[in-house]
Amino acid sequence: MMKIGTVVVNVSDSRRAAEFWSKALGYAVRGGSIPENESVVLLASANDGPGMTLDEDDRMHLDLHVDSGEELVAQVERLIDLGAHRVEWHYPDDASFVVLADTEGNLFCVVNVGS
């Protein structure tokens, strides 16, 4: 089953944004402290909602999580059939995600979070 895993938000100051959003939503910083020179990931305390990634470089987008490589392939094909299209992207060698754009051109990722 595919679900919204994280909402990636472009910010100019990760630390300031993390302080605001963690207090606003009652989310906790993954790992307990704000990392230096990395995106900050905030997680719902009861795991009852999507996480929030605060990134100073990336555009705002959704990360849709799936549990296996097979499901990744199936969901990407299904989304393309619904009108999404693949986006040219520089993928790392060990990429576990595919970048797509919706019918309006908004980017989103389908991410294999399984083993």
PDB file of N, CA and C in Angstrom:
ATOM      1  N   MET A   1       0.843  -1.180   0.000  1.00  0.00           N
ATOM      2  CA  MET A   1       0.000   0.000   0.000  1.00  0.00           C
ATOM      3  C   MET A   1       0.889   1.244   0.000  1.00  0.00           C
ATOM      4  N   MET A   2       0.589   2.173  -0.838  1.00  0.00           N
ATOM      5  CA  MET A   2       1.343   3.414  -0.922  1.00  0.00           C
ATOM      6  C   MET A   2       0.709   4.439  -0.003  1.00  0.00           C
ATOM      7  N   LYS A   3       1.564   5.213   0.696  1.00  0.00           N
ATOM      8  CA  LYS A   3       1.053   6.260   1.586  1.00  0.00           C
ATOM      9  C   LYS A   3       2.014   7.435   1.572  1.00  0.00           C
ATOM     10  N   ILE A   4       1.525   8.585   1.989  1.00  0.00           N
ATOM     11  CA  ILE A   4       2.404   9.737   2.125  1.00  0.00           C
ATOM     12  C   ILE A   4       3.323   9.455   3.299  1.00  0.00           C
ATOM     13  N   GLY A   5       4.613   9.342   3.015  1.00  0.00           N
ATOM     14  CA  GLY A   5       5.591   9.071   4.061  1.00  0.00           C
ATOM     15  C   GLY A   5       6.149  10.348   4.650  1.00  0.00           C
ATOM     16  N   THR A   6       6.554  11.271   3.778  1.00  0.00           N
ATOM     17  CA  THR A   6       7.059  12.557   4.232  1.00  0.00           C
ATOM     18  C   THR A   6       6.631  13.648   3.268  1.00  0.00           C
ATOM     19  N   VAL A   7       6.498  14.833   3.822  1.00  0.00           N
ATOM     20  CA  VAL A   7       6.306  16.041   3.039  1.00  0.00           C
ATOM     21  C   VAL A   7       7.624  16.791   3.126  1.00  0.00           C
ATOM     22  N   VAL A   8       8.260  17.025   1.989  1.00  0.00           N
ATOM     23  CA  VAL A   8       9.532  17.737   1.952  1.00  0.00           C
ATOM     24  C   VAL A   8       9.226  19.210   1.730  1.00  0.00           C
ATOM     25  N   VAL A   9       9.726  20.050   2.637  1.00  0.00           N
ATOM     26  CA  VAL A   9       9.468  21.484   2.576  1.00  0.00           C
ATOM     27  C   VAL A   9      10.785  22.216   2.400  1.00  0.00           C
ATOM     28  N   ASN A  10      10.850  23.087   1.411  1.00  0.00           N
ATOM     29  CA  ASN A  10      12.043  23.896   1.204  1.00  0.00           C
ATOM     30  C   ASN A  10      12.051  25.016   2.233  1.00  0.00           C
ATOM     31  N   VAL A  11      13.174  25.150   2.953  1.00  0.00           N
ATOM     32  CA  VAL A  11      13.314  26.177   3.983  1.00  0.00           C
ATOM     33  C   VAL A  11      14.649  26.882   3.800  1.00  0.00           C
ATOM     34  N   SER A  12      14.766  28.083   4.342  1.00  0.00           N
ATOM     35  CA  SER A  12      16.040  28.801   4.273  1.00  0.00           C
ATOM     36  C   SER A  12      16.889  28.577   5.523  1.00  0.00           C
ATOM     37  N   ASP A  13      16.255  28.147   6.621  1.00  0.00           N
ATOM     38  CA  ASP A  13      16.972  27.905   7.872  1.00  0.00           C
ATOM     39  C   ASP A  13      16.374  26.669   8.541  1.00  0.00           C
ATOM     40  N   SER A  14      17.042  25.531   8.361  1.00  0.00           N
ATOM     41  CA  SER A  14      16.514  24.258   8.874  1.00  0.00           C
ATOM     42  C   SER A  14      16.286  24.278  10.373  1.00  0.00           C
ATOM     43  N   ARG A  15      17.221  24.841  11.112  1.00  0.00           N
ATOM     44  CA  ARG A  15      17.114  24.871  12.574  1.00  0.00           C
ATOM     45  C   ARG A  15      15.881  25.677  13.007  1.00  0.00           C
ATOM     46  N   ARG A  16      15.726  26.860  12.440  1.00  0.00           N
ATOM     47  CA  ARG A  16      14.588  27.719  12.795  1.00  0.00           C
ATOM     48  C   ARG A  16      13.270  27.033  12.405  1.00  0.00           C
ATOM     49  N   ALA A  17      13.245  26.453  11.209  1.00  0.00           N
ATOM     50  CA  ALA A  17      12.028  25.777  10.752  1.00  0.00           C
ATOM     51  C   ALA A  17      11.713  24.565  11.625  1.00  0.00           C
ATOM     52  N   ALA A  18      12.742  23.819  12.029  1.00  0.00           N
ATOM     53  CA  ALA A  18      12.527  22.641  12.882  1.00  0.00           C
ATOM     54  C   ALA A  18      11.939  23.048  14.227  1.00  0.00           C
ATOM     55  N   GLU A  19      12.446  24.116  14.799  1.00  0.00           N
ATOM     56  CA  GLU A  19      11.911  24.587  16.083  1.00  0.00           C
ATOM     57  C   GLU A  19      10.436  24.954  15.934  1.00  0.00           C
ATOM     58  N   PHE A  20      10.105  25.687  14.861  1.00  0.00           N
ATOM     59  CA  PHE A  20       8.718  26.098  14.645  1.00  0.00           C
ATOM     60  C   PHE A  20       7.813  24.896  14.419  1.00  0.00           C
ATOM     61  N   TRP A  21       8.151  24.047  13.423  1.00  0.00           N
ATOM     62  CA  TRP A  21       7.265  22.951  13.041  1.00  0.00           C
ATOM     63  C   TRP A  21       7.154  21.873  14.111  1.00  0.00           C
ATOM     64  N   SER A  22       8.212  21.628  14.835  1.00  0.00           N
ATOM     65  CA  SER A  22       8.112  20.618  15.898  1.00  0.00           C
ATOM     66  C   SER A  22       7.160  21.086  16.989  1.00  0.00           C
ATOM     67  N   LYS A  23       7.207  22.372  17.313  1.00  0.00           N
ATOM     68  CA  LYS A  23       6.280  22.916  18.314  1.00  0.00           C
ATOM     69  C   LYS A  23       4.858  23.026  17.756  1.00  0.00           C
ATOM     70  N   ALA A  24       4.744  23.440  16.502  1.00  0.00           N
ATOM     71  CA  ALA A  24       3.417  23.624  15.900  1.00  0.00           C
ATOM     72  C   ALA A  24       2.664  22.306  15.773  1.00  0.00           C
ATOM     73  N   LEU A  25       3.388  21.226  15.421  1.00  0.00           N
ATOM     74  CA  LEU A  25       2.736  19.941  15.164  1.00  0.00           C
ATOM     75  C   LEU A  25       2.924  18.918  16.276  1.00  0.00           C
ATOM     76  N   GLY A  26       3.777  19.214  17.246  1.00  0.00           N
ATOM     77  CA  GLY A  26       4.080  18.237  18.278  1.00  0.00           C
ATOM     78  C   GLY A  26       4.948  17.104  17.753  1.00  0.00           C
ATOM     79  N   TYR A  27       5.711  17.371  16.702  1.00  0.00           N
ATOM     80  CA  TYR A  27       6.595  16.382  16.108  1.00  0.00           C
ATOM     81  C   TYR A  27       7.946  16.415  16.816  1.00  0.00           C
ATOM     82  N   ALA A  28       8.696  15.323  16.713  1.00  0.00           N
ATOM     83  CA  ALA A  28      10.033  15.230  17.296  1.00  0.00           C
ATOM     84  C   ALA A  28      11.068  15.115  16.185  1.00  0.00           C
ATOM     85  N   VAL A  29      12.238  15.661  16.433  1.00  0.00           N
ATOM     86  CA  VAL A  29      13.337  15.559  15.473  1.00  0.00           C
ATOM     87  C   VAL A  29      13.849  14.122  15.479  1.00  0.00           C
ATOM     88  N   ARG A  30      13.927  13.509  14.295  1.00  0.00           N
ATOM     89  CA  ARG A  30      14.460  12.142  14.192  1.00  0.00           C
ATOM     90  C   ARG A  30      15.893  12.141  14.712  1.00  0.00           C
ATOM     91  N   GLY A  31      16.188  11.191  15.578  1.00  0.00           N
ATOM     92  CA  GLY A  31      17.515  11.096  16.167  1.00  0.00           C
ATOM     93  C   GLY A  31      17.697  11.967  17.393  1.00  0.00           C
ATOM     94  N   GLY A  32      16.725  12.830  17.696  1.00  0.00           N
ATOM     95  CA  GLY A  32      16.764  13.621  18.918  1.00  0.00           C
ATOM     96  C   GLY A  32      17.465  14.954  18.837  1.00  0.00           C
ATOM     97  N   SER A  33      18.309  15.164  17.835  1.00  0.00           N
ATOM     98  CA  SER A  33      18.970  16.469  17.728  1.00  0.00           C
ATOM     99  C   SER A  33      19.035  16.887  16.261  1.00  0.00           C
ATOM    100  N   ILE A  34      19.092  18.183  16.058  1.00  0.00           N
ATOM    101  CA  ILE A  34      19.117  18.726  14.701  1.00  0.00           C
ATOM    102  C   ILE A  34      20.516  18.528  14.121  1.00  0.00           C
ATOM    103  N   PRO A  35      20.617  17.795  13.004  1.00  0.00           N
ATOM    104  CA  PRO A  35      21.934  17.518  12.416  1.00  0.00           C
ATOM    105  C   PRO A  35      22.519  18.759  11.744  1.00  0.00           C
ATOM    106  N   GLU A  36      23.834  18.810  11.676  1.00  0.00           N
ATOM    107  CA  GLU A  36      24.531  19.882  10.961  1.00  0.00           C
ATOM    108  C   GLU A  36      24.631  19.513   9.484  1.00  0.00           C
ATOM    109  N   ASN A  37      24.360  20.453   8.612  1.00  0.00           N
ATOM    110  CA  ASN A  37      24.542  20.292   7.165  1.00  0.00           C
ATOM    111  C   ASN A  37      23.759  19.130   6.564  1.00  0.00           C
ATOM    112  N   GLU A  38      22.620  18.790   7.143  1.00  0.00           N
ATOM    113  CA  GLU A  38      21.743  17.751   6.601  1.00  0.00           C
ATOM    114  C   GLU A  38      20.304  18.225   6.709  1.00  0.00           C
ATOM    115  N   SER A  39      19.445  17.584   5.952  1.00  0.00           N
ATOM    116  CA  SER A  39      18.023  17.851   6.089  1.00  0.00           C
ATOM    117  C   SER A  39      17.567  17.402   7.468  1.00  0.00           C
ATOM    118  N   VAL A  40      16.599  18.104   8.020  1.00  0.00           N
ATOM    119  CA  VAL A  40      16.029  17.747   9.311  1.00  0.00           C
ATOM    120  C   VAL A  40      14.740  16.986   9.051  1.00  0.00           C
ATOM    121  N   VAL A  41      14.575  15.843   9.699  1.00  0.00           N
ATOM    122  CA  VAL A  41      13.355  15.060   9.556  1.00  0.00           C
ATOM    123  C   VAL A  41      12.599  15.118  10.878  1.00  0.00           C
ATOM    124  N   LEU A  42      11.343  15.535  10.800  1.00  0.00           N
ATOM    125  CA  LEU A  42      10.462  15.573  11.961  1.00  0.00           C
ATOM    126  C   LEU A  42       9.467  14.433  11.844  1.00  0.00           C
ATOM    127  N   LEU A  43       9.224  13.756  12.960  1.00  0.00           N
ATOM    128  CA  LEU A  43       8.322  12.605  12.965  1.00  0.00           C
ATOM    129  C   LEU A  43       7.186  12.815  13.949  1.00  0.00           C
ATOM    130  N   ALA A  44       6.002  12.358  13.554  1.00  0.00           N
ATOM    131  CA  ALA A  44       4.841  12.419  14.440  1.00  0.00           C
ATOM    132  C   ALA A  44       5.126  11.545  15.656  1.00  0.00           C
ATOM    133  N   SER A  45       4.788  12.038  16.825  1.00  0.00           N
ATOM    134  CA  SER A  45       5.129  11.320  18.054  1.00  0.00           C
ATOM    135  C   SER A  45       4.451   9.957  18.144  1.00  0.00           C
ATOM    136  N   ALA A  46       3.263   9.832  17.627  1.00  0.00           N
ATOM    137  CA  ALA A  46       2.538   8.558  17.704  1.00  0.00           C
ATOM    138  C   ALA A  46       2.568   7.804  16.379  1.00  0.00           C
ATOM    139  N   ASN A  47       3.467   8.226  15.457  1.00  0.00           N
ATOM    140  CA  ASN A  47       3.530   7.609  14.129  1.00  0.00           C
ATOM    141  C   ASN A  47       2.167   7.613  13.442  1.00  0.00           C
ATOM    142  N   ASP A  48       1.377   8.635  13.703  1.00  0.00           N
ATOM    143  CA  ASP A  48       0.031   8.686  13.145  1.00  0.00           C
ATOM    144  C   ASP A  48      -0.100   9.679  11.998  1.00  0.00           C
ATOM    145  N   GLY A  49       0.997  10.108  11.468  1.00  0.00           N
ATOM    146  CA  GLY A  49       0.939  11.028  10.342  1.00  0.00           C
ATOM    147  C   GLY A  49       2.238  10.993   9.572  1.00  0.00           C
ATOM    148  N   PRO A  50       2.269  11.639   8.428  1.00  0.00           N
ATOM    149  CA  PRO A  50       3.499  11.651   7.636  1.00  0.00           C
ATOM    150  C   PRO A  50       4.585  12.451   8.341  1.00  0.00           C
ATOM    151  N   GLY A  51       5.821  12.102   8.038  1.00  0.00           N
ATOM    152  CA  GLY A  51       6.941  12.878   8.535  1.00  0.00           C
ATOM    153  C   GLY A  51       7.074  14.155   7.734  1.00  0.00           C
ATOM    154  N   MET A  52       7.967  15.012   8.176  1.00  0.00           N
ATOM    155  CA  MET A  52       8.208  16.279   7.498  1.00  0.00           C
ATOM    156  C   MET A  52       9.717  16.446   7.380  1.00  0.00           C
ATOM    157  N   THR A  53      10.204  16.601   6.156  1.00  0.00           N
ATOM    158  CA  THR A  53      11.621  16.845   5.925  1.00  0.00           C
ATOM    159  C   THR A  53      11.811  18.315   5.600  1.00  0.00           C
ATOM    160  N   LEU A  54      12.712  18.962   6.325  1.00  0.00           N
ATOM    161  CA  LEU A  54      13.013  20.377   6.106  1.00  0.00           C
ATOM    162  C   LEU A  54      14.346  20.449   5.388  1.00  0.00           C
ATOM    163  N   ASP A  55      14.333  20.930   4.153  1.00  0.00           N
ATOM    164  CA  ASP A  55      15.505  20.855   3.295  1.00  0.00           C
ATOM    165  C   ASP A  55      15.812  22.227   2.705  1.00  0.00           C
ATOM    166  N   GLU A  56      17.055  22.631   2.806  1.00  0.00           N
ATOM    167  CA  GLU A  56      17.457  23.945   2.293  1.00  0.00           C
ATOM    168  C   GLU A  56      17.763  23.936   0.800  1.00  0.00           C
ATOM    169  N   ASP A  57      17.839  22.745   0.189  1.00  0.00           N
ATOM    170  CA  ASP A  57      18.189  22.655  -1.230  1.00  0.00           C
ATOM    171  C   ASP A  57      17.055  22.150  -2.113  1.00  0.00           C
ATOM    172  N   ASP A  58      16.261  21.246  -1.603  1.00  0.00           N
ATOM    173  CA  ASP A  58      15.258  20.556  -2.418  1.00  0.00           C
ATOM    174  C   ASP A  58      13.966  21.362  -2.509  1.00  0.00           C
ATOM    175  N   ARG A  59      13.236  21.135  -3.591  1.00  0.00           N
ATOM    176  CA  ARG A  59      11.924  21.757  -3.764  1.00  0.00           C
ATOM    177  C   ARG A  59      10.888  21.055  -2.900  1.00  0.00           C
ATOM    178  N   MET A  60       9.795  21.729  -2.632  1.00  0.00           N
ATOM    179  CA  MET A  60       8.708  21.117  -1.883  1.00  0.00           C
ATOM    180  C   MET A  60       8.103  19.991  -2.714  1.00  0.00           C
ATOM    181  N   HIS A  61       7.910  18.833  -2.062  1.00  0.00           N
ATOM    182  CA  HIS A  61       7.305  17.695  -2.750  1.00  0.00           C
ATOM    183  C   HIS A  61       6.874  16.640  -1.744  1.00  0.00           C
ATOM    184  N   LEU A  62       6.119  15.676  -2.214  1.00  0.00           N
ATOM    185  CA  LEU A  62       5.714  14.534  -1.398  1.00  0.00           C
ATOM    186  C   LEU A  62       6.640  13.360  -1.658  1.00  0.00           C
ATOM    187  N   ASP A  63       6.922  12.598  -0.608  1.00  0.00           N
ATOM    188  CA  ASP A  63       7.570  11.300  -0.747  1.00  0.00           C
ATOM    189  C   ASP A  63       6.514  10.253  -0.424  1.00  0.00           C
ATOM    190  N   LEU A  64       6.155   9.447  -1.423  1.00  0.00           N
ATOM    191  CA  LEU A  64       5.164   8.390  -1.238  1.00  0.00           C
ATOM    192  C   LEU A  64       5.909   7.101  -0.946  1.00  0.00           C
ATOM    193  N   HIS A  65       5.603   6.473   0.187  1.00  0.00           N
ATOM    194  CA  HIS A  65       6.339   5.281   0.620  1.00  0.00           C
ATOM    195  C   HIS A  65       5.639   3.998   0.206  1.00  0.00           C
ATOM    196  N   VAL A  66       6.457   3.037  -0.227  1.00  0.00           N
ATOM    197  CA  VAL A  66       6.006   1.674  -0.512  1.00  0.00           C
ATOM    198  C   VAL A  66       6.955   0.731   0.225  1.00  0.00           C
ATOM    199  N   ASP A  67       6.561  -0.544   0.342  1.00  0.00           N
ATOM    200  CA  ASP A  67       7.304  -1.482   1.180  1.00  0.00           C
ATOM    201  C   ASP A  67       8.239  -2.442   0.449  1.00  0.00           C
ATOM    202  N   SER A  68       8.318  -2.369  -0.887  1.00  0.00           N
ATOM    203  CA  SER A  68       9.196  -3.296  -1.608  1.00  0.00           C
ATOM    204  C   SER A  68       9.537  -2.737  -2.986  1.00  0.00           C
ATOM    205  N   GLY A  69      10.579  -3.318  -3.561  1.00  0.00           N
ATOM    206  CA  GLY A  69      10.956  -2.940  -4.916  1.00  0.00           C
ATOM    207  C   GLY A  69       9.888  -3.287  -5.932  1.00  0.00           C
ATOM    208  N   GLU A  70       9.225  -4.424  -5.720  1.00  0.00           N
ATOM    209  CA  GLU A  70       8.147  -4.829  -6.631  1.00  0.00           C
ATOM    210  C   GLU A  70       6.984  -3.845  -6.563  1.00  0.00           C
ATOM    211  N   GLU A  71       6.659  -3.411  -5.349  1.00  0.00           N
ATOM    212  CA  GLU A  71       5.572  -2.447  -5.202  1.00  0.00           C
ATOM    213  C   GLU A  71       5.966  -1.097  -5.795  1.00  0.00           C
ATOM    214  N   LEU A  72       7.229  -0.735  -5.692  1.00  0.00           N
ATOM    215  CA  LEU A  72       7.709   0.503  -6.300  1.00  0.00           C
ATOM    216  C   LEU A  72       7.444   0.484  -7.799  1.00  0.00           C
ATOM    217  N   VAL A  73       7.844  -0.595  -8.454  1.00  0.00           N
ATOM    218  CA  VAL A  73       7.646  -0.722  -9.903  1.00  0.00           C
ATOM    219  C   VAL A  73       6.161  -0.680 -10.245  1.00  0.00           C
ATOM    220  N   ALA A  74       5.347  -1.428  -9.513  1.00  0.00           N
ATOM    221  CA  ALA A  74       3.902  -1.486  -9.784  1.00  0.00           C
ATOM    222  C   ALA A  74       3.242  -0.126  -9.589  1.00  0.00           C
ATOM    223  N   GLN A  75       3.605   0.571  -8.514  1.00  0.00           N
ATOM    224  CA  GLN A  75       2.981   1.877  -8.248  1.00  0.00           C
ATOM    225  C   GLN A  75       3.426   2.925  -9.257  1.00  0.00           C
ATOM    226  N   VAL A  76       4.686   2.895  -9.654  1.00  0.00           N
ATOM    227  CA  VAL A  76       5.151   3.842 -10.677  1.00  0.00           C
ATOM    228  C   VAL A  76       4.386   3.614 -11.974  1.00  0.00           C
ATOM    229  N   GLU A  77       4.228   2.363 -12.371  1.00  0.00           N
ATOM    230  CA  GLU A  77       3.457   2.067 -13.588  1.00  0.00           C
ATOM    231  C   GLU A  77       2.010   2.536 -13.446  1.00  0.00           C
ATOM    232  N   ARG A  78       1.399   2.293 -12.292  1.00  0.00           N
ATOM    233  CA  ARG A  78       0.013   2.709 -12.051  1.00  0.00           C
ATOM    234  C   ARG A  78      -0.113   4.230 -12.112  1.00  0.00           C
ATOM    235  N   LEU A  79       0.829   4.941 -11.500  1.00  0.00           N
ATOM    236  CA  LEU A  79       0.781   6.403 -11.499  1.00  0.00           C
ATOM    237  C   LEU A  79       0.984   6.971 -12.897  1.00  0.00           C
ATOM    238  N   ILE A  80       1.853   6.351 -13.681  1.00  0.00           N
ATOM    239  CA  ILE A  80       2.041   6.787 -15.065  1.00  0.00           C
ATOM    240  C   ILE A  80       0.761   6.557 -15.860  1.00  0.00           C
ATOM    241  N   ASP A  81       0.097   5.428 -15.632  1.00  0.00           N
ATOM    242  CA  ASP A  81      -1.188   5.167 -16.296  1.00  0.00           C
ATOM    243  C   ASP A  81      -2.236   6.212 -15.919  1.00  0.00           C
ATOM    244  N   LEU A  82      -2.117   6.776 -14.713  1.00  0.00           N
ATOM    245  CA  LEU A  82      -3.062   7.800 -14.255  1.00  0.00           C
ATOM    246  C   LEU A  82      -2.736   9.192 -14.787  1.00  0.00           C
ATOM    247  N   GLY A  83      -1.569   9.350 -15.430  1.00  0.00           N
ATOM    248  CA  GLY A  83      -1.212  10.642 -16.015  1.00  0.00           C
ATOM    249  C   GLY A  83       0.097  11.239 -15.529  1.00  0.00           C
ATOM    250  N   ALA A  84       0.756  10.610 -14.553  1.00  0.00           N
ATOM    251  CA  ALA A  84       2.067  11.098 -14.115  1.00  0.00           C
ATOM    252  C   ALA A  84       3.097  10.795 -15.199  1.00  0.00           C
ATOM    253  N   HIS A  85       4.246  11.450 -15.112  1.00  0.00           N
ATOM    254  CA  HIS A  85       5.327  11.125 -16.041  1.00  0.00           C
ATOM    255  C   HIS A  85       6.669  11.159 -15.311  1.00  0.00           C
ATOM    256  N   ARG A  86       7.602  10.367 -15.844  1.00  0.00           N
ATOM    257  CA  ARG A  86       8.946  10.315 -15.269  1.00  0.00           C
ATOM    258  C   ARG A  86       9.654  11.641 -15.509  1.00  0.00           C
ATOM    259  N   VAL A  87      10.504  11.996 -14.564  1.00  0.00           N
ATOM    260  CA  VAL A  87      11.272  13.228 -14.641  1.00  0.00           C
ATOM    261  C   VAL A  87      12.741  12.855 -14.804  1.00  0.00           C
ATOM    262  N   GLU A  88      13.435  13.555 -15.692  1.00  0.00           N
ATOM    263  CA  GLU A  88      14.882  13.351 -15.820  1.00  0.00           C
ATOM    264  C   GLU A  88      15.508  13.687 -14.480  1.00  0.00           C
ATOM    265  N   TRP A  89      16.315  12.773 -13.952  1.00  0.00           N
ATOM    266  CA  TRP A  89      16.888  12.966 -12.621  1.00  0.00           C
ATOM    267  C   TRP A  89      18.231  12.269 -12.553  1.00  0.00           C
ATOM    268  N   HIS A  90      19.145  12.831 -11.806  1.00  0.00           N
ATOM    269  CA  HIS A  90      20.433  12.180 -11.569  1.00  0.00           C
ATOM    270  C   HIS A  90      20.282  11.310 -10.321  1.00  0.00           C
ATOM    271  N   TYR A  91      20.165   9.994 -10.547  1.00  0.00           N
ATOM    272  CA  TYR A  91      19.954   9.051  -9.461  1.00  0.00           C
ATOM    273  C   TYR A  91      21.279   8.510  -8.947  1.00  0.00           C
ATOM    274  N   PRO A  92      21.408   8.362  -7.623  1.00  0.00           N
ATOM    275  CA  PRO A  92      22.596   7.665  -7.108  1.00  0.00           C
ATOM    276  C   PRO A  92      22.531   6.189  -7.493  1.00  0.00           C
ATOM    277  N   ASP A  93      23.666   5.499  -7.455  1.00  0.00           N
ATOM    278  CA  ASP A  93      23.717   4.088  -7.851  1.00  0.00           C
ATOM    279  C   ASP A  93      22.781   3.217  -7.025  1.00  0.00           C
ATOM    280  N   ASP A  94      22.604   3.540  -5.764  1.00  0.00           N
ATOM    281  CA  ASP A  94      21.771   2.725  -4.876  1.00  0.00           C
ATOM    282  C   ASP A  94      20.378   3.320  -4.668  1.00  0.00           C
ATOM    283  N   ALA A  95      19.883   4.049  -5.649  1.00  0.00           N
ATOM    284  CA  ALA A  95      18.588   4.733  -5.516  1.00  0.00           C
ATOM    285  C   ALA A  95      17.465   3.755  -5.208  1.00  0.00           C
ATOM    286  N   SER A  96      16.649   4.131  -4.249  1.00  0.00           N
ATOM    287  CA  SER A  96      15.467   3.336  -3.900  1.00  0.00           C
ATOM    288  C   SER A  96      14.209   4.161  -4.129  1.00  0.00           C
ATOM    289  N   PHE A  97      14.284   5.088  -5.064  1.00  0.00           N
ATOM    290  CA  PHE A  97      13.166   5.986  -5.344  1.00  0.00           C
ATOM    291  C   PHE A  97      13.109   6.313  -6.834  1.00  0.00           C
ATOM    292  N   VAL A  98      11.928   6.774  -7.248  1.00  0.00           N
ATOM    293  CA  VAL A  98      11.711   7.240  -8.616  1.00  0.00           C
ATOM    294  C   VAL A  98      11.053   8.606  -8.525  1.00  0.00           C
ATOM    295  N   VAL A  99      11.539   9.551  -9.320  1.00  0.00           N
ATOM    296  CA  VAL A  99      10.972  10.895  -9.339  1.00  0.00           C
ATOM    297  C   VAL A  99       9.974  10.984 -10.489  1.00  0.00           C
ATOM    298  N   LEU A 100       8.777  11.416 -10.147  1.00  0.00           N
ATOM    299  CA  LEU A 100       7.702  11.600 -11.122  1.00  0.00           C
ATOM    300  C   LEU A 100       7.154  13.016 -11.008  1.00  0.00           C
ATOM    301  N   ALA A 101       6.362  13.402 -11.982  1.00  0.00           N
ATOM    302  CA  ALA A 101       5.614  14.654 -11.917  1.00  0.00           C
ATOM    303  C   ALA A 101       4.149  14.313 -12.138  1.00  0.00           C
ATOM    304  N   ASP A 102       3.287  15.022 -11.413  1.00  0.00           N
ATOM    305  CA  ASP A 102       1.857  14.787 -11.575  1.00  0.00           C
ATOM    306  C   ASP A 102       1.358  15.491 -12.836  1.00  0.00           C
ATOM    307  N   THR A 103       0.073  15.476 -13.051  1.00  0.00           N
ATOM    308  CA  THR A 103      -0.508  16.057 -14.263  1.00  0.00           C
ATOM    309  C   THR A 103      -0.337  17.569 -14.336  1.00  0.00           C
ATOM    310  N   GLU A 104       0.013  18.205 -13.197  1.00  0.00           N
ATOM    311  CA  GLU A 104       0.217  19.654 -13.161  1.00  0.00           C
ATOM    312  C   GLU A 104       1.699  20.026 -13.153  1.00  0.00           C
ATOM    313  N   GLY A 105       2.568  19.017 -13.212  1.00  0.00           N
ATOM    314  CA  GLY A 105       4.007  19.264 -13.218  1.00  0.00           C
ATOM    315  C   GLY A 105       4.656  19.294 -11.847  1.00  0.00           C
ATOM    316  N   ASN A 106       3.884  19.018 -10.797  1.00  0.00           N
ATOM    317  CA  ASN A 106       4.437  18.987  -9.447  1.00  0.00           C
ATOM    318  C   ASN A 106       5.230  17.705  -9.238  1.00  0.00           C
ATOM    319  N   LEU A 107       6.461  17.839  -8.744  1.00  0.00           N
ATOM    320  CA  LEU A 107       7.307  16.669  -8.512  1.00  0.00           C
ATOM    321  C   LEU A 107       6.882  15.917  -7.276  1.00  0.00           C
ATOM    322  N   PHE A 108       7.068  14.605  -7.302  1.00  0.00           N
ATOM    323  CA  PHE A 108       6.919  13.763  -6.122  1.00  0.00           C
ATOM    324  C   PHE A 108       7.767  12.523  -6.325  1.00  0.00           C
ATOM    325  N   CYS A 109       8.080  11.844  -5.233  1.00  0.00           N
ATOM    326  CA  CYS A 109       8.919  10.651  -5.293  1.00  0.00           C
ATOM    327  C   CYS A 109       8.138   9.453  -4.783  1.00  0.00           C
ATOM    328  N   VAL A 110       8.392   8.313  -5.395  1.00  0.00           N
ATOM    329  CA  VAL A 110       7.909   7.039  -4.869  1.00  0.00           C
ATOM    330  C   VAL A 110       9.159   6.363  -4.311  1.00  0.00           C
ATOM    331  N   VAL A 111       9.122   6.041  -3.002  1.00  0.00           N
ATOM    332  CA  VAL A 111      10.299   5.585  -2.276  1.00  0.00           C
ATOM    333  C   VAL A 111      10.074   4.206  -1.691  1.00  0.00           C
ATOM    334  N   ASN A 112      10.979   3.284  -1.968  1.00  0.00           N
ATOM    335  CA  ASN A 112      10.941   1.961  -1.354  1.00  0.00           C
ATOM    336  C   ASN A 112      11.579   2.059   0.033  1.00  0.00           C
ATOM    337  N   VAL A 113      10.770   1.949   1.078  1.00  0.00           N
ATOM    338  CA  VAL A 113      11.283   2.004   2.453  1.00  0.00           C
ATOM    339  C   VAL A 113      11.395   0.618   3.061  1.00  0.00           C
ATOM    340  N   GLY A 114      11.063  -0.414   2.274  1.00  0.00           N
ATOM    341  CA  GLY A 114      11.175  -1.797   2.740  1.00  0.00           C
ATOM    342  C   GLY A 114      12.580  -2.306   2.607  1.00  0.00           C
ATOM    343  N   SER A 115      12.743  -3.581   2.916  1.00  0.00           N
ATOM    344  CA  SER A 115      14.088  -4.158   2.837  1.00  0.00           C
ATOM    345  C   SER A 115      14.434  -4.617   1.446  1.00  0.00           C
TER     346      SER A 115
END
